[in-house]
Each structure stands twice: as C-alpha cells, then as structure tokens.
Protein backbone atom coordinates (compact mmCIF):
# COMPACT_ATOMS: atom_id res chain seq x y z
CA MET A 1 0.00 0.00 0.00
CA SER A 2 2.93 2.37 0.45
CA THR A 3 3.08 3.13 -3.26
CA GLY A 4 -0.58 2.51 -4.06
CA LEU A 5 -3.77 4.49 -3.74
CA PRO A 6 -3.34 5.96 -0.23
CA ARG A 7 0.21 7.15 -0.88
CA GLN A 8 -0.68 8.56 -4.30
CA CYS A 9 -3.80 10.38 -3.14
CA CYS A 10 -4.04 11.06 0.55
CA ALA A 11 -1.65 9.08 2.77
CA THR A 12 -2.03 10.98 6.07
CA GLY A 13 -3.70 13.98 7.56
CA SER A 14 -6.22 15.45 9.94
CA LEU A 15 -9.10 17.90 9.91
CA HIS A 16 -8.24 21.47 10.84
CA THR A 17 -10.01 23.66 13.35
CA GLY A 18 -11.48 26.96 12.26
CA THR A 19 -14.47 28.26 10.38
CA PRO A 20 -14.26 29.11 6.66
CA THR A 21 -15.33 32.71 5.99
CA GLY A 22 -16.14 32.59 2.27
CA LYS A 23 -19.35 31.75 0.48
CA VAL A 24 -20.64 28.89 -1.66
CA GLY A 25 -22.27 29.41 -5.02
CA LYS A 26 -22.08 28.71 -8.74
CA LEU A 27 -19.09 29.89 -10.75
CA HIS A 28 -18.89 29.24 -14.49
CA GLY A 29 -21.25 26.31 -14.15
CA LEU A 30 -19.57 24.63 -11.18
CA ASP A 31 -20.26 24.60 -7.46
CA ALA A 32 -17.49 26.60 -5.82
CA TYR A 33 -16.24 28.00 -2.54
CA MET A 34 -15.32 31.66 -3.06
CA THR A 35 -13.38 33.96 -0.76
CA SER A 36 -11.88 37.43 -1.13
CA PRO A 37 -9.49 39.83 0.65
CA PRO A 38 -10.75 41.82 3.64
CA ASP A 39 -13.06 44.73 2.86
CA GLY A 40 -11.35 47.67 1.23
CA ILE A 41 -8.35 45.69 -0.03
CA ALA A 42 -8.12 45.20 -3.79
CA PRO A 43 -7.00 41.75 -4.99
CA LYS A 44 -3.69 41.43 -6.81
CA GLY A 45 -4.99 38.48 -8.77
CA VAL A 46 -7.09 35.33 -8.76
CA VAL A 47 -5.99 31.93 -7.41
CA VAL A 48 -7.95 28.78 -8.23
CA ILE A 49 -7.38 25.80 -5.94
CA ILE A 50 -7.63 22.29 -7.39
CA PRO A 51 -7.96 20.17 -4.25
CA ASP A 52 -6.82 16.74 -3.19
CA ILE A 53 -8.92 13.59 -3.28
CA PHE A 54 -11.08 14.90 -0.41
CA GLY A 55 -12.58 17.54 -2.66
CA TRP A 56 -13.86 21.09 -2.43
CA THR A 57 -15.89 20.68 0.78
CA LEU A 58 -12.98 19.69 3.05
CA PRO A 59 -12.71 22.42 5.74
CA ASN A 60 -8.91 22.41 5.48
CA SER A 61 -8.99 23.43 1.82
CA ARG A 62 -11.50 26.20 2.49
CA ILE A 63 -9.51 27.55 5.42
CA LEU A 64 -6.39 27.50 3.23
CA ALA A 65 -8.29 29.44 0.55
CA ASP A 66 -9.19 32.06 3.16
CA GLU A 67 -5.52 32.38 4.13
CA TYR A 68 -4.46 32.87 0.51
CA ALA A 69 -7.15 35.53 0.08
CA LYS A 70 -6.07 37.42 3.18
CA LYS A 71 -2.31 37.21 2.72
CA GLY A 72 -2.15 37.63 -1.08
CA PRO A 73 -4.38 39.51 -1.27
CA PHE A 74 -6.23 37.44 -3.88
CA ASN A 75 -9.69 36.40 -4.92
CA VAL A 76 -9.61 32.64 -4.34
CA TYR A 77 -11.93 30.05 -5.88
CA LEU A 78 -12.22 26.39 -4.89
CA PRO A 79 -14.50 24.73 -7.48
CA ASN A 80 -15.82 21.20 -7.59
CA PHE A 81 -13.92 19.77 -10.56
CA MET A 82 -14.59 16.13 -9.67
CA ASN A 83 -16.86 13.64 -11.39
CA GLY A 84 -18.95 12.06 -8.66
CA PRO A 85 -18.32 12.14 -4.91
CA ALA A 86 -14.95 12.92 -3.36
CA PHE A 87 -13.37 10.86 -0.58
CA GLN A 88 -15.10 11.49 2.75
CA PRO A 89 -12.90 12.69 5.65
CA ASP A 90 -13.53 9.47 7.59
CA MET A 91 -11.51 7.64 4.94
CA LEU A 92 -8.44 8.99 6.76
CA ILE A 93 -9.21 6.40 9.44
CA SER A 94 -8.95 3.62 6.86
CA ILE A 95 -5.67 5.00 5.54
CA GLU A 96 -4.16 5.14 9.03
CA THR A 97 -5.43 1.64 9.89
CA VAL A 98 -3.90 0.10 6.75
CA SER A 99 -0.54 1.47 7.88
CA THR A 100 -0.87 0.09 11.44
CA PRO A 101 1.68 -2.68 12.12
CA GLY A 102 1.15 -5.81 14.19
CA PHE A 103 -0.73 -9.09 13.99
CA THR A 104 -3.66 -7.90 16.10
CA ALA A 105 -4.55 -5.28 13.48
CA LEU A 106 -4.46 -7.82 10.63
CA PHE A 107 -8.23 -8.21 10.17
CA SER A 108 -8.84 -4.51 10.64
CA ARG A 109 -6.22 -3.73 8.00
CA ALA A 110 -7.86 -6.14 5.57
CA TYR A 111 -11.27 -4.50 6.04
CA HIS A 112 -9.96 -0.97 5.59
CA PHE A 113 -7.81 -1.99 2.62
CA LEU A 114 -10.91 -3.34 0.86
CA ARG A 115 -12.80 -0.19 1.83
CA LEU A 116 -10.12 1.97 0.21
CA LEU A 117 -10.23 -0.12 -2.95
CA TYR A 118 -14.04 -0.01 -3.04
CA HIS A 119 -14.08 3.80 -2.95
CA GLY A 120 -10.72 4.58 -4.47
CA VAL A 121 -10.69 2.61 -7.72
CA PRO A 122 -14.01 4.04 -9.01
CA PHE A 123 -12.88 7.53 -7.98
CA LEU A 124 -9.66 7.27 -9.96
CA ILE A 125 -11.48 5.95 -13.01
CA ARG A 126 -14.06 8.76 -12.88
CA ASN A 127 -11.40 11.38 -12.26
CA ARG A 128 -8.57 10.33 -14.56
CA ALA A 129 -6.88 13.11 -16.52
CA SER A 130 -8.79 12.49 -19.75
CA ALA A 131 -12.09 12.82 -17.85
CA VAL A 132 -11.41 15.91 -15.74
CA MET A 133 -9.08 18.07 -17.85
CA PRO A 134 -11.86 19.15 -20.26
CA VAL A 135 -13.90 20.33 -17.26
CA ILE A 136 -10.91 22.14 -15.77
CA THR A 137 -9.78 23.83 -18.98
CA SER A 138 -13.36 24.90 -19.73
CA PHE A 139 -13.61 26.54 -16.31
CA PHE A 140 -10.29 28.35 -16.69
CA THR A 141 -11.18 29.47 -20.21
CA GLN A 142 -14.42 31.02 -18.98
CA LEU A 143 -12.66 32.53 -15.97
CA ARG A 144 -9.93 34.11 -18.09
CA ASP A 145 -12.44 35.55 -20.56
CA ALA A 146 -14.58 36.95 -17.71
CA THR A 147 -11.71 38.37 -15.64
CA PRO A 148 -10.21 41.81 -16.39
CA THR A 149 -7.09 41.32 -18.48
CA ASP A 150 -4.97 43.23 -15.95
CA LEU A 151 -5.88 40.76 -13.19
CA PRO A 152 -3.58 37.70 -13.35
CA ILE A 153 -4.77 34.16 -12.64
CA GLY A 154 -2.87 31.38 -10.89
CA ALA A 155 -3.63 27.76 -9.99
CA ALA A 156 -2.68 25.80 -6.86
CA GLY A 157 -3.00 22.02 -6.87
CA PHE A 158 -2.62 19.46 -4.10
CA CYS A 159 -2.09 15.69 -4.45
CA TRP A 160 -4.74 14.71 -7.05
CA GLY A 161 -5.03 18.39 -8.02
CA GLY A 162 -1.32 18.78 -8.69
CA MET A 163 -1.33 17.03 -12.05
CA PRO A 164 -3.97 19.34 -13.62
CA VAL A 165 -2.00 22.41 -12.53
CA VAL A 166 1.12 21.03 -14.19
CA LYS A 167 -0.85 20.54 -17.40
CA LEU A 168 -2.19 24.10 -17.20
CA CYS A 169 1.42 25.27 -16.92
CA HIS A 170 2.13 23.61 -20.27
CA ASP A 171 0.17 26.56 -21.71
CA GLU A 172 -1.24 24.46 -24.56
CA VAL A 173 -4.81 25.81 -24.29
CA LYS A 174 -5.62 29.50 -24.68
CA ALA A 175 -8.69 31.52 -23.73
CA LYS A 176 -10.97 32.88 -26.44
CA ASN A 177 -9.26 36.25 -26.08
CA GLY A 178 -5.92 34.61 -26.87
CA LEU A 179 -4.50 34.91 -23.36
CA SER A 180 -2.90 32.10 -21.37
CA LEU A 181 -5.25 30.48 -18.89
CA ILE A 182 -2.86 31.06 -15.98
CA GLU A 183 0.23 33.13 -15.21
CA ALA A 184 1.78 30.75 -12.68
CA GLY A 185 1.17 27.50 -10.83
CA PHE A 186 1.90 25.99 -7.43
CA ILE A 187 1.77 22.28 -6.57
CA ALA A 188 2.28 20.35 -3.34
CA HIS A 189 2.91 16.59 -3.13
CA PRO A 190 1.39 15.97 -6.60
CA SER A 191 0.23 12.54 -7.76
CA PHE A 192 -0.23 10.78 -11.09
CA MET A 193 2.33 12.81 -13.04
CA LYS A 194 3.93 11.41 -16.18
CA MET A 195 7.65 11.89 -16.08
CA PRO A 196 9.65 13.34 -17.67
CA ASP A 197 7.06 14.75 -20.12
CA ASP A 198 5.05 16.73 -17.57
CA ALA A 199 8.18 18.56 -16.41
CA GLU A 200 9.71 19.00 -19.85
CA LYS A 201 6.58 20.66 -21.26
CA LEU A 202 6.43 23.40 -18.61
CA VAL A 203 6.07 26.89 -20.02
CA LYS A 204 4.51 28.87 -17.19
CA PRO A 205 6.33 29.39 -13.87
CA LEU A 206 5.79 26.52 -11.43
CA SER A 207 6.57 26.20 -7.72
CA PHE A 208 6.78 22.67 -6.25
CA ALA A 209 6.47 21.83 -2.53
CA ALA A 210 7.76 18.27 -2.15
CA ALA A 211 7.10 15.94 0.80
CA GLY A 212 10.04 13.93 2.10
CA ASN A 213 7.85 11.06 3.36
CA ASP A 214 6.00 10.60 0.09
CA GLY A 215 6.86 7.01 -0.75
CA LYS A 216 9.72 5.88 -2.95
CA VAL A 217 7.86 6.30 -6.24
CA LEU A 218 6.68 9.85 -5.62
CA VAL A 219 9.96 10.96 -4.06
CA LYS A 220 11.83 9.63 -7.10
CA GLN A 221 9.43 11.48 -9.41
CA GLY A 222 10.00 14.64 -7.40
CA GLU A 223 13.76 14.33 -7.68
CA GLU A 224 13.45 13.83 -11.43
CA PHE A 225 11.16 16.85 -11.62
CA GLU A 226 13.68 18.93 -9.67
CA LYS A 227 16.47 18.10 -12.12
CA VAL A 228 14.35 19.22 -15.07
CA LEU A 229 13.45 22.48 -13.31
CA GLU A 230 17.10 23.17 -12.53
CA ARG A 231 18.04 22.63 -16.16
CA LYS A 232 15.23 24.86 -17.38
CA ASN A 233 16.25 27.59 -14.94
CA LYS A 234 19.85 27.36 -16.09
CA VAL A 235 18.84 27.76 -19.74
CA VAL A 236 16.82 30.87 -18.90
CA GLU A 237 19.68 32.26 -16.80
CA GLU A 238 22.17 31.82 -19.63
CA ARG A 239 19.80 33.15 -22.28
CA GLU A 240 18.28 36.10 -20.46
CA GLY A 241 20.63 36.85 -17.62
CA GLY A 242 18.17 36.04 -14.86
CA GLY A 243 14.91 37.14 -16.49
CA GLY A 244 12.12 35.15 -18.07
CA VAL A 245 10.33 32.09 -16.75
CA ARG A 246 11.72 30.57 -13.56
CA HIS A 247 10.68 27.54 -11.52
CA GLU A 248 11.32 26.49 -7.94
CA TYR A 249 11.45 23.21 -6.04
CA VAL A 250 11.32 23.20 -2.22
CA PHE A 251 11.91 19.92 -0.38
CA TYR A 252 10.31 19.50 3.05
CA ASP A 253 12.29 16.81 4.82
CA LYS A 254 10.19 14.29 6.80
CA ALA A 255 6.95 15.96 5.70
CA ASP A 256 4.10 13.54 5.00
CA HIS A 257 2.09 13.37 1.80
CA GLY A 258 -0.76 15.83 2.28
CA PHE A 259 1.15 18.11 4.67
CA ALA A 260 0.36 21.32 2.77
CA VAL A 261 -3.37 20.84 3.40
CA ARG A 262 -3.80 18.33 6.21
CA ALA A 263 -0.80 18.70 8.51
CA ASN A 264 -1.59 17.70 12.09
CA GLU A 265 -2.14 20.96 14.00
CA LYS A 266 -1.16 19.23 17.25
CA ASP A 267 2.25 18.34 15.81
CA SER A 268 4.19 21.62 15.89
CA GLU A 269 6.81 20.46 13.39
CA ALA A 270 4.23 19.22 10.89
CA ALA A 271 2.08 22.32 11.34
CA GLU A 272 5.09 24.56 10.74
CA LYS A 273 5.89 22.80 7.47
CA GLY A 274 2.28 23.21 6.38
CA LYS A 275 2.49 26.94 7.09
CA LYS A 276 5.77 27.23 5.18
CA ALA A 277 4.16 25.60 2.15
CA GLU A 278 1.32 28.10 2.45
CA GLU A 279 3.84 30.96 2.52
CA GLN A 280 5.65 29.43 -0.44
CA ALA A 281 2.47 29.49 -2.51
CA VAL A 282 1.46 33.03 -1.52
CA SER A 283 4.95 34.40 -2.18
CA TRP A 284 5.10 32.66 -5.55
CA PHE A 285 1.85 34.15 -6.77
CA GLN A 286 2.80 37.58 -5.42
CA ARG A 287 6.02 37.38 -7.41
CA TRP A 288 4.40 36.51 -10.71
CA PHE A 289 1.31 38.63 -10.29
CA GLY A 290 3.53 41.71 -9.97
C-alpha cells in the first residue's frame, strides 16, 4: 500500500479547526467555494485551488483558501472539478489503519484496505486526466475571458489536483481572447504525473512543494522533476541573464504526503511545514502577479 492508492492520493492527515469565511455558489457552471481579501483591499490576482482527493468541501482546503485571500491579497476560488463524490474525511481512518503494524490489526487492515479499494478505484477511473481536464480547462477558459485582463490568474494544486496544474502550466490551451489560462502555478505533493514529459513541457512558472515522506515512487518522481526544473532555470539564466520564466522546487524533509493541506495541527513540526508551504504558494503568486 505504500506506493498505491493511499500514498498517491491522501496518505495521512487530519481535519483542521477553524471556520471558513467565504461563500458557496455557482461559478462558471460549477459549485465553488469563493473567498476574497478583507473589505477595502483590492485583490492582486485570482488563485484557483484544485484540491486533493477529499474535494472542495474539506474544511482544510477552504480555510487554506481564506488564508491565501487574506495574505495575497487574492480572490480565491475552490471549485468542484470532480466527477462524482470525493473521498469522505472518515476515509483517513482507513488509511491510518492500513498502515498500522502488528498481527492484532491484521483483520482490521484487511477490512480498511478493501474499503479503500471499493471507494478509491471508481474515484480514480471517474477522475482520470482524460475525464477531468476538459472540465478544468473549460472553467479556466471562462474565468480568463470573464476576468479583467490586468488581473492575473494562478492555480494551486494538491495531491490529485497537482497534475492538472502542471498541465495548465504547459500553456497548450488559450482563452478565447488569446490569453494564457494562468500566469503561474503551485503544486504540493502531486500525484499521477507522467515523467519526464510533464516537467519538460512546462512553459509557465511553477513552484513545487515536495514531501520527504512521500513514498519511494513519488519521491523519485519529485527528484526527477527537480532536475528538469534546474536545467530549465539554467537555460533561462544563460539566455536572459536572470529574467524570463523561472521555476522552484522546495523539499520539506520528513513531511508527509498531504502536509500542505492536512498537517496535524497538534504536531508543531508538521504544522510549521504546512504553514511554510502556504507561505511558499502566496509568495510565488505575489512574485508573478507583480
């Protein structure tokens, strides 16, 4: 299971305390959580969050959206891009149980493993790239066409949502007005990437927050991704003397998969890493939004 569904999608985590302050409504045909800077503060841009396997209703993701909005300051949207239901928060119990060692937990592990398969396999089929990318690109196309041209748009993706952000950074689809769909992207502990193509095709600036405890497969992918980003940055440096598109890769040693959204608030070290990833994202968008 260490390199299977739980590790690829959710792995660890906990629910966060706090009350989201935004509102829920329809945005370009999708249900969405929407939050804005405090009254009287103009947004510097728009950030769209593509969430992890737990979807747009997870309190953690909404609280994170509020933090982005306040600190950016940005208008932040968290739409429901998924086909069918997301994982429910109580699935975290199954994920933790599957990882519990010892003979006495054998039968419990078997039950929760089957529970993960029962919910996880259909989810991944419904929400594979070929199924969700048309929905995502349609939303961003409508958003770009409806947003003032002087207001930049960025995308932040977590776990399952990381792969779509990488594809948006390929800049292969344009809005009807000819503009790029996004100006910059941020991803944390992404899953289901195709290497090295996904990294090689990057055009728009991308910031990567990597988890050290992400399983051998994902850690290896991250290291491969980092090498491509370093090479791309070097080419830009040599060609433009420090200008142009840049990328960044930040490695969080001993951080668990999911830490940027679901870090345990009672674990000071884990919570601090989650906050640093939040600051990484906000700073990245501030840089590229100008």
